[in-house]
Amino acid sequence: MQQVSNSQIVCIDGDSLSRKLRAAILDRSGHSVTAVGSLAEAEPYLGRNGVRLAVIDECVADMPALESFMSAHPELPILLLTRGADGFRPSNHVRFFPKLDGPEAFLRTVEQCLRVQQAPREPLTRLL
């Protein structure tokens, strides 16, 4: 798979060490990364600079906040970092990535997200 290099990515993670690590992995892969600690901190970077992907740790917000973020940015693909994808229903603009998987799998998933065709966004929902 050919890499989509130099893509602008916003990495949102409340844990500074995890945020710096993921940002470094993406940067070394040729992506331009803005790393922030919350959804609110990400807002000024979205809608400009050609941001093509938001990588979001599930712990930074509850479901209503994530839904609100997604509604505000309907064309932005999202990679949601989870403890496991169990309990989530995937949608066409949201992919899930288990936090414990390695950097190679993380980069493969990022590249897949960057290739997402623009389509209407489906709501993010938890399965019961």
Protein backbone atom coordinates (compact mmCIF):
# COMPACT_ATOMS: atom_id res chain seq x y z
CA MET A 1 0.00 0.00 0.00
CA GLN A 2 1.43 3.35 -1.04
CA GLN A 3 1.58 5.89 1.76
CA VAL A 4 -0.41 9.09 1.66
CA SER A 5 2.51 11.18 2.92
CA ASN A 6 2.53 14.74 4.17
CA SER A 7 -1.11 14.55 5.20
CA GLN A 8 -2.18 16.94 7.94
CA ILE A 9 -3.41 14.95 10.95
CA VAL A 10 -4.75 16.19 14.27
CA CYS A 11 -3.94 13.83 17.14
CA ILE A 12 -6.19 14.32 20.19
CA ASP A 13 -5.20 12.54 23.39
CA GLY A 14 -5.47 13.63 27.01
CA ASP A 15 -2.37 11.66 28.00
CA SER A 16 0.68 13.73 27.04
CA LEU A 17 3.05 10.77 26.73
CA SER A 18 0.70 8.80 24.45
CA ARG A 19 0.00 11.95 22.43
CA LYS A 20 3.71 12.67 21.91
CA LEU A 21 4.43 9.04 20.99
CA ARG A 22 1.67 8.85 18.37
CA ALA A 23 2.62 12.25 16.98
CA ALA A 24 6.25 11.12 16.64
CA ILE A 25 5.20 7.90 14.86
CA LEU A 26 3.08 9.89 12.40
CA ASP A 27 5.76 12.55 11.92
CA ARG A 28 8.44 9.96 11.15
CA SER A 29 6.09 8.51 8.55
CA GLY A 30 6.00 11.81 6.72
CA HIS A 31 2.76 13.26 8.06
CA SER A 32 2.32 16.76 9.40
CA VAL A 33 0.89 16.39 12.91
CA THR A 34 -0.78 18.76 15.34
CA ALA A 35 -1.07 17.12 18.77
CA VAL A 36 -3.53 18.48 21.33
CA GLY A 37 -5.05 17.32 24.60
CA SER A 38 -8.77 17.86 23.99
CA LEU A 39 -11.47 18.22 21.35
CA ALA A 40 -11.75 21.93 22.20
CA GLU A 41 -8.00 22.45 21.65
CA ALA A 42 -8.32 20.82 18.22
CA GLU A 43 -11.02 23.20 16.96
CA PRO A 44 -8.71 26.05 15.84
CA TYR A 45 -6.78 23.62 13.60
CA LEU A 46 -9.80 22.11 11.88
CA GLY A 47 -11.28 23.58 8.74
CA ARG A 48 -7.92 25.03 7.72
CA ASN A 49 -4.50 23.74 6.76
CA GLY A 50 -6.04 20.81 4.92
CA VAL A 51 -6.55 18.56 7.95
CA ARG A 52 -7.39 15.14 6.53
CA LEU A 53 -7.77 12.98 9.65
CA ALA A 54 -8.47 13.26 13.38
CA VAL A 55 -6.93 10.57 15.58
CA ILE A 56 -8.90 10.66 18.84
CA ASP A 57 -8.36 8.72 22.05
CA GLU A 58 -11.74 7.51 23.33
CA CYS A 59 -10.92 8.83 26.81
CA VAL A 60 -10.91 12.52 25.81
CA ALA A 61 -14.70 12.79 25.53
CA ASP A 62 -17.98 11.06 26.17
CA MET A 63 -20.30 9.92 23.36
CA PRO A 64 -22.34 13.15 23.15
CA ALA A 65 -19.15 15.23 22.85
CA LEU A 66 -17.80 12.93 20.12
CA GLU A 67 -21.12 13.12 18.26
CA SER A 68 -21.06 16.91 18.50
CA PHE A 69 -17.46 17.01 17.23
CA MET A 70 -18.36 14.73 14.33
CA SER A 71 -21.43 16.82 13.46
CA ALA A 72 -19.31 19.96 13.39
CA HIS A 73 -16.82 18.31 11.01
CA PRO A 74 -18.90 15.99 8.81
CA GLU A 75 -16.25 15.48 6.11
CA LEU A 76 -13.38 14.67 8.47
CA PRO A 77 -12.48 10.98 8.81
CA ILE A 78 -11.89 9.91 12.42
CA LEU A 79 -9.68 7.19 13.84
CA LEU A 80 -10.95 6.44 17.35
CA LEU A 81 -8.35 4.83 19.61
CA THR A 82 -10.06 2.37 21.92
CA ARG A 83 -9.32 -0.23 24.54
CA GLY A 84 -11.07 -2.52 22.07
CA ALA A 85 -13.67 -2.05 19.34
CA ASP A 86 -16.18 -4.19 21.23
CA GLY A 87 -19.40 -2.33 21.79
CA PHE A 88 -19.04 0.14 18.93
CA ARG A 89 -20.83 0.07 15.60
CA PRO A 90 -18.42 1.26 12.92
CA SER A 91 -19.52 3.81 10.37
CA ASN A 92 -18.19 4.95 7.03
CA HIS A 93 -16.14 7.86 8.46
CA VAL A 94 -15.07 6.30 11.75
CA ARG A 95 -12.55 3.54 12.19
CA PHE A 96 -11.52 1.99 15.47
CA PHE A 97 -8.02 1.06 16.52
CA PRO A 98 -7.11 -0.89 19.67
CA LYS A 99 -4.60 1.17 21.66
CA LEU A 100 -2.46 -1.86 22.41
CA ASP A 101 -1.78 -2.76 18.76
CA GLY A 102 1.68 -1.86 17.52
CA PRO A 103 2.90 1.12 15.50
CA GLU A 104 2.94 -0.74 12.18
CA ALA A 105 -0.75 -1.62 12.51
CA PHE A 106 -1.47 1.95 13.63
CA LEU A 107 0.20 3.38 10.51
CA ARG A 108 -1.63 0.93 8.23
CA THR A 109 -4.94 2.00 9.76
CA VAL A 110 -4.05 5.69 9.40
CA GLU A 111 -3.29 5.14 5.71
CA GLN A 112 -6.62 3.37 5.24
CA CYS A 113 -8.43 6.28 6.91
CA LEU A 114 -6.71 8.77 4.62
CA ARG A 115 -8.10 6.89 1.64
CA VAL A 116 -11.72 7.06 2.83
CA GLN A 117 -14.06 8.17 0.08
CA GLN A 118 -16.22 11.10 1.10
CA ALA A 119 -19.70 9.82 1.93
CA PRO A 120 -22.52 10.86 4.23
CA ARG A 121 -21.58 10.31 7.86
CA GLU A 122 -23.48 7.77 9.91
CA PRO A 123 -23.96 8.35 13.65
CA LEU A 124 -21.50 6.77 16.06
CA THR A 125 -23.37 4.46 18.39
CA ARG A 126 -22.56 1.98 21.11
CA LEU A 127 -24.09 -1.44 20.82
CA LEU A 128 -25.80 -2.70 23.94
